[in-house]
Protein backbone atom coordinates (compact mmCIF):
# COMPACT_ATOMS: atom_id res chain seq x y z
CA GLY A 1 -46.44 -229.94 -34.54
CA THR A 2 -49.73 -229.40 -35.80
CA GLU A 3 -51.21 -233.33 -35.46
CA ASP A 4 -53.42 -232.53 -32.53
CA THR A 5 -54.61 -229.06 -34.47
CA PRO A 6 -58.49 -229.72 -35.38
CA THR A 7 -59.04 -229.13 -38.43
CA GLU A 8 -62.27 -226.91 -38.02
CA LEU A 9 -62.62 -225.63 -34.42
CA ASN A 10 -66.65 -225.52 -33.78
CA GLU A 11 -66.45 -223.34 -30.36
CA SER A 12 -65.34 -220.02 -29.99
CA ILE A 13 -62.06 -218.82 -27.99
CA TRP A 14 -64.13 -216.32 -26.16
CA THR A 15 -66.01 -218.65 -24.38
CA GLN A 16 -62.27 -220.48 -22.84
CA VAL A 17 -61.26 -217.36 -21.71
CA GLU A 18 -61.24 -216.78 -17.89
CA LYS A 19 -59.13 -213.51 -17.37
CA LEU A 20 -57.55 -210.69 -20.02
CA ASN A 21 -55.21 -208.53 -18.86
CA MET A 22 -54.95 -205.56 -20.97
CA TYR A 23 -51.79 -203.61 -19.71
CA ASP A 24 -50.22 -202.92 -23.03
CA PRO A 25 -53.48 -200.63 -24.36
CA LEU A 26 -53.88 -198.56 -21.05
CA ALA A 27 -50.20 -198.18 -21.56
CA VAL A 28 -50.65 -197.13 -24.71
CA LEU A 29 -54.16 -194.79 -24.16
CA ILE A 30 -52.29 -192.70 -21.49
CA CYS A 31 -49.92 -191.71 -24.10
CA ASP A 32 -52.78 -189.38 -25.20
CA LEU A 33 -52.65 -186.16 -23.26
CA SER A 34 -56.33 -185.53 -22.97
CA TYR A 35 -57.07 -189.10 -22.22
CA ARG A 36 -54.67 -189.13 -19.32
CA ALA A 37 -55.75 -185.70 -18.06
CA LEU A 38 -59.23 -187.08 -18.25
CA HIS A 39 -59.10 -190.02 -16.31
CA PHE A 40 -55.46 -190.25 -14.35
CA ASN A 41 -53.55 -188.25 -11.73
CA CYS A 42 -50.16 -188.11 -12.67
CA LYS A 43 -47.11 -187.51 -10.51
CA ALA A 44 -43.39 -185.95 -12.09
CA LYS A 45 -40.51 -187.63 -10.87
CA THR A 46 -36.83 -186.60 -11.82
CA VAL A 47 -34.34 -189.41 -12.16
CA ARG A 48 -30.59 -188.40 -13.14
CA GLY A 49 -31.80 -185.10 -14.34
CA VAL A 50 -34.80 -186.92 -16.74
CA ARG A 51 -38.29 -185.54 -15.98
CA HIS A 52 -40.90 -188.78 -15.93
CA ILE A 53 -44.75 -188.60 -15.27
CA VAL A 54 -45.98 -191.37 -13.15
CA VAL A 55 -49.11 -192.59 -12.64
CA GLY A 56 -49.94 -194.67 -9.72
CA THR A 57 -47.02 -194.66 -6.72
CA SER A 58 -48.67 -197.14 -4.49
CA GLU A 59 -51.52 -199.69 -4.07
CA ILE A 60 -53.79 -197.10 -2.10
CA ASP A 61 -52.34 -194.33 -4.86
CA THR A 62 -53.28 -195.56 -7.72
CA GLY A 63 -53.19 -192.01 -9.68
CA ILE A 64 -56.90 -193.60 -11.38
CA ARG A 65 -59.63 -190.45 -11.00
CA ASP A 66 -62.25 -192.75 -11.30
CA PRO A 67 -61.78 -195.86 -11.27
CA LEU A 68 -65.31 -197.27 -12.37
CA SER A 69 -65.43 -194.79 -15.34
CA LEU A 70 -61.98 -195.78 -16.36
CA TYR A 71 -63.31 -199.36 -16.32
CA LYS A 72 -66.60 -199.05 -18.55
CA GLU A 73 -64.97 -196.67 -21.21
CA TYR A 74 -61.76 -199.00 -21.36
CA SER A 75 -64.22 -202.17 -21.33
CA ARG A 76 -66.41 -200.26 -24.26
CA LEU A 77 -63.08 -199.05 -26.66
CA PHE A 78 -61.77 -202.69 -26.14
CA VAL A 79 -64.95 -204.51 -27.07
CA GLU A 80 -65.17 -201.77 -29.95
CA ALA A 81 -61.79 -202.60 -31.14
CA LEU A 82 -62.39 -206.67 -31.03
CA GLN A 83 -65.64 -206.08 -32.96
CA ALA A 84 -63.98 -203.85 -35.84
CA SER A 85 -60.84 -206.46 -35.85
CA LEU A 86 -63.20 -209.46 -36.33
CA HIS A 87 -65.88 -207.36 -38.06
CA GLU A 88 -68.14 -208.32 -35.85
CA PRO A 89 -71.72 -207.07 -35.88
CA GLU A 90 -72.24 -208.44 -32.22
CA MET A 91 -70.25 -209.09 -28.90
CA PRO A 92 -68.01 -211.59 -29.38
CA LEU A 93 -69.26 -215.38 -28.62
CA GLY A 94 -68.25 -215.90 -24.56
CA SER A 95 -68.76 -212.26 -24.06
CA GLU A 96 -71.94 -212.64 -21.80
CA LYS A 97 -70.52 -214.88 -19.61
CA GLU A 98 -69.86 -212.52 -16.93
CA PRO A 99 -69.84 -209.04 -18.45
CA ASP A 100 -70.13 -207.20 -15.12
CA MET A 101 -67.41 -209.10 -12.88
CA LEU A 102 -65.10 -206.54 -12.92
CA LEU A 103 -66.91 -203.66 -12.43
CA GLU A 104 -68.55 -205.41 -10.01
CA GLU A 105 -65.16 -206.69 -8.21
CA THR A 106 -64.24 -203.32 -8.49
CA THR A 107 -67.05 -201.69 -6.53
CA LYS A 108 -66.79 -204.24 -3.75
CA ILE A 109 -62.86 -202.93 -3.63
CA MET A 110 -63.37 -198.71 -3.87
CA SER A 111 -66.03 -199.61 -1.30
CA THR A 112 -63.55 -201.31 1.24
CA ARG A 113 -61.05 -198.44 0.64
CA SER A 114 -63.70 -196.31 1.30
CA ARG A 115 -64.66 -197.65 4.32
CA ALA A 116 -61.15 -198.50 5.90
CA ALA A 117 -60.07 -194.91 5.03
């Protein structure tokens, strides 16, 4: 088990992170009615007599009102939560690696979709 585990870590884990999926916290935020109304277009679907709220019904209809605004706010909330959990006053080590990568990718995707429409 633990024979290969170093007793001391000199490097932050964040320098090793290349991708981080944050679906569960986003699902929790969507439960807040004001947050959902601000960022998402929802559709009601009834299945076997039970009404469900659905956000995003296809790759094209994501249900997100303003992807860039949501990205910025969600990223800010994530970093604040991480800092609070680590009790660190500054950005976690390694987060400066590619801070705007997702923003740039989202902008490219949205501009490509706008031209295709």
